[in-house]
Amino acid sequence: MTEDTTIENKVTASGILRLDLEAYRPEMTFVTFDIKSYLYEELIIVEKSFRTAMDSVNWEDYSGKAVSVVCSVDAIIPQWVYMLITTKLKPFAVSIAFGTEKEHLIKIWEKSVENADLSLYFDKKVAVKASEHIPDALYICVSTILAGKVASLLYGEPGLPKVIRKY
């Protein structure tokens, strides 16, 4: 005598779709270009020597990379310096941004999410996966996109999500 013992998958039955922001993480190498090394006594820009130094940089070393431009010492950097560095990097770098590599990663990651076709989540229950590896800014970004477009916005795993908002 056999008994039909089918187990109902409550997660599947709930109709909750899982959105993993890791899927939109940019796949590129991030490097830093620090202006500090090109300052006179790590304090100021001397235009003539700075321009000479910029002409001697092997900009091809930055090919295919995301370059974050910073000055790691407390110095007043004229804005034209950032413009000059950017024009030197532009033919080689895939992305150029002011700030740390982490800030640069977040900017590109946000753009990736903003440019993604998330329409398959519209009018559905959506659980945005929780992960300590995803910057907080990405949760703000995706919430801004999905707010008012999804039936329910949830956080965590579909089996035990935290309800953020039902529309």
Protein backbone atom coordinates (compact mmCIF):
# COMPACT_ATOMS: atom_id res chain seq x y z
CA MET A 1 0.00 0.00 0.00
CA THR A 2 1.58 3.28 -1.12
CA GLU A 3 0.54 6.68 -0.07
CA ASP A 4 0.96 9.82 -2.24
CA THR A 5 3.31 11.95 -0.18
CA THR A 6 4.02 15.05 -2.20
CA ILE A 7 5.65 17.82 -0.26
CA GLU A 8 4.52 21.30 -1.11
CA ASN A 9 7.34 23.77 -1.62
CA LYS A 10 6.01 26.80 0.21
CA VAL A 11 8.68 29.10 -1.20
CA THR A 12 7.70 28.24 -4.77
CA ALA A 13 4.03 28.46 -3.88
CA SER A 14 4.51 31.94 -2.38
CA GLY A 15 5.40 33.39 -5.80
CA ILE A 16 8.29 35.34 -4.32
CA LEU A 17 11.08 36.11 -6.78
CA ARG A 18 14.65 36.39 -5.50
CA LEU A 19 16.80 39.32 -6.64
CA ASP A 20 20.52 38.87 -6.03
CA LEU A 21 22.41 42.15 -6.39
CA GLU A 22 25.70 40.22 -6.66
CA ALA A 23 24.63 39.35 -10.21
CA TYR A 24 25.12 43.02 -11.14
CA ARG A 25 28.57 43.41 -9.55
CA PRO A 26 31.03 44.81 -12.10
CA GLU A 27 33.72 42.41 -13.29
CA MET A 28 36.75 44.65 -13.60
CA THR A 29 40.06 45.43 -11.97
CA PHE A 30 40.13 48.52 -9.77
CA VAL A 31 43.35 50.48 -9.21
CA THR A 32 44.23 53.79 -7.60
CA PHE A 33 46.12 56.70 -9.09
CA ASP A 34 47.47 58.69 -6.13
CA ILE A 35 48.49 62.29 -6.82
CA LYS A 36 50.63 62.35 -3.67
CA SER A 37 53.70 61.08 -5.49
CA TYR A 38 53.59 64.01 -7.90
CA LEU A 39 53.40 66.80 -5.32
CA TYR A 40 56.33 68.97 -4.37
CA GLU A 41 57.28 67.86 -0.84
CA GLU A 42 53.87 66.16 -0.69
CA LEU A 43 52.30 69.59 -0.26
CA ILE A 44 51.67 71.44 -3.50
CA ILE A 45 51.47 71.12 -7.25
CA VAL A 46 54.24 72.81 -9.19
CA GLU A 47 52.65 73.02 -12.60
CA LYS A 48 55.70 72.66 -14.84
CA SER A 49 57.17 69.65 -13.01
CA PHE A 50 53.71 68.10 -12.58
CA ARG A 51 53.00 68.31 -16.33
CA THR A 52 56.43 66.83 -17.07
CA ALA A 53 55.75 64.01 -14.63
CA MET A 54 52.36 63.33 -16.23
CA ASP A 55 54.04 63.07 -19.64
CA SER A 56 56.38 60.40 -18.28
CA VAL A 57 53.68 58.17 -16.73
CA ASN A 58 53.10 54.92 -18.62
CA TRP A 59 49.35 55.35 -18.99
CA GLU A 60 49.08 52.01 -20.80
CA ASP A 61 49.51 50.38 -17.37
CA TYR A 62 45.90 51.43 -16.74
CA SER A 63 44.50 49.70 -19.84
CA GLY A 64 41.22 47.92 -19.18
CA LYS A 65 41.11 48.99 -15.52
CA ALA A 66 38.80 51.12 -13.42
CA VAL A 67 40.99 53.91 -12.07
CA SER A 68 40.19 55.76 -8.86
CA VAL A 69 41.95 59.12 -8.58
CA VAL A 70 42.86 60.26 -5.08
CA CYS A 71 45.31 62.35 -3.12
CA SER A 72 46.22 60.46 0.04
CA VAL A 73 47.74 63.50 1.78
CA ASP A 74 46.07 66.68 2.91
CA ALA A 75 46.92 69.01 0.06
CA ILE A 76 45.02 71.54 -1.99
CA ILE A 77 44.75 70.13 -5.48
CA PRO A 78 43.64 72.48 -8.24
CA GLN A 79 40.72 71.14 -10.25
CA TRP A 80 42.66 71.30 -13.52
CA VAL A 81 44.92 68.54 -12.13
CA TYR A 82 42.00 66.09 -12.07
CA MET A 83 41.05 67.16 -15.59
CA LEU A 84 44.61 66.60 -16.86
CA ILE A 85 44.87 63.16 -15.25
CA THR A 86 41.48 62.19 -16.68
CA THR A 87 42.47 63.17 -20.23
CA LYS A 88 45.64 61.07 -19.89
CA LEU A 89 43.71 58.06 -18.55
CA LYS A 90 40.72 58.28 -20.91
CA PRO A 91 42.26 56.36 -23.86
CA PHE A 92 43.14 53.42 -21.61
CA ALA A 93 40.92 53.11 -18.51
CA VAL A 94 37.45 51.55 -18.72
CA SER A 95 36.25 53.87 -15.97
CA ILE A 96 37.70 56.87 -14.12
CA ALA A 97 36.31 58.29 -10.88
CA PHE A 98 37.34 60.53 -8.04
CA GLY A 99 37.55 58.75 -4.70
CA THR A 100 38.49 55.39 -3.28
CA GLU A 101 38.30 52.10 -5.13
CA LYS A 102 35.35 51.11 -2.93
CA GLU A 103 33.48 54.32 -3.80
CA HIS A 104 34.26 53.73 -7.48
CA LEU A 105 33.01 50.13 -7.31
CA ILE A 106 29.75 51.29 -5.72
CA LYS A 107 29.21 53.95 -8.43
CA ILE A 108 29.67 51.42 -11.23
CA TRP A 109 27.61 48.78 -9.43
CA GLU A 110 24.76 51.26 -8.97
CA LYS A 111 24.87 52.12 -12.68
CA SER A 112 24.75 48.41 -13.48
CA VAL A 113 21.60 47.98 -11.37
CA GLU A 114 20.04 51.18 -12.76
CA ASN A 115 20.66 50.01 -16.34
CA ALA A 116 19.42 46.46 -15.72
CA ASP A 117 16.06 45.35 -17.05
CA LEU A 118 14.23 44.66 -13.81
CA SER A 119 10.80 44.67 -15.44
CA LEU A 120 10.37 40.92 -14.81
CA TYR A 121 10.05 41.83 -11.12
CA PHE A 122 7.29 44.43 -11.66
CA ASP A 123 3.93 43.53 -10.11
CA LYS A 124 5.57 40.56 -8.31
CA LYS A 125 6.65 39.80 -4.76
CA VAL A 126 10.40 40.41 -4.72
CA ALA A 127 12.90 39.42 -2.04
CA VAL A 128 16.21 41.25 -2.38
CA LYS A 129 18.89 38.86 -1.15
CA ALA A 130 20.67 39.83 2.05
CA SER A 131 24.46 39.81 1.88
CA GLU A 132 27.20 41.42 3.91
CA HIS A 133 29.18 41.69 0.65
CA ILE A 134 26.70 44.08 -0.92
CA PRO A 135 27.19 47.77 -0.03
CA ASP A 136 24.27 49.51 1.67
CA ALA A 137 24.05 51.99 -1.21
CA LEU A 138 22.91 49.16 -3.51
CA TYR A 139 19.91 48.43 -1.31
CA ILE A 140 18.91 52.09 -1.58
CA CYS A 141 19.44 52.00 -5.34
CA VAL A 142 17.32 48.89 -5.97
CA SER A 143 14.61 50.05 -3.55
CA THR A 144 14.37 53.34 -5.45
CA ILE A 145 13.91 51.43 -8.70
CA LEU A 146 11.41 48.87 -7.41
CA ALA A 147 9.36 51.04 -5.04
CA GLY A 148 5.82 51.29 -6.35
CA LYS A 149 6.53 48.89 -9.23
CA VAL A 150 6.49 45.61 -7.32
CA ALA A 151 3.57 44.03 -5.45
CA SER A 152 5.73 43.51 -2.35
CA LEU A 153 9.29 44.52 -1.58
CA LEU A 154 11.00 42.07 0.74
CA TYR A 155 14.50 41.64 2.18
CA GLY A 156 16.30 38.39 2.85
CA GLU A 157 15.53 34.92 1.57
CA PRO A 158 12.19 33.98 -0.03
CA GLY A 159 11.61 31.35 2.69
CA LEU A 160 11.74 33.86 5.51
CA PRO A 161 11.79 37.41 4.15
CA LYS A 162 11.42 40.66 6.05
CA VAL A 163 8.53 42.63 4.57
CA ILE A 164 9.68 46.11 3.63
CA ARG A 165 6.55 47.33 1.90
CA LYS A 166 3.42 45.95 0.26
CA TYR A 167 1.93 48.03 -2.51
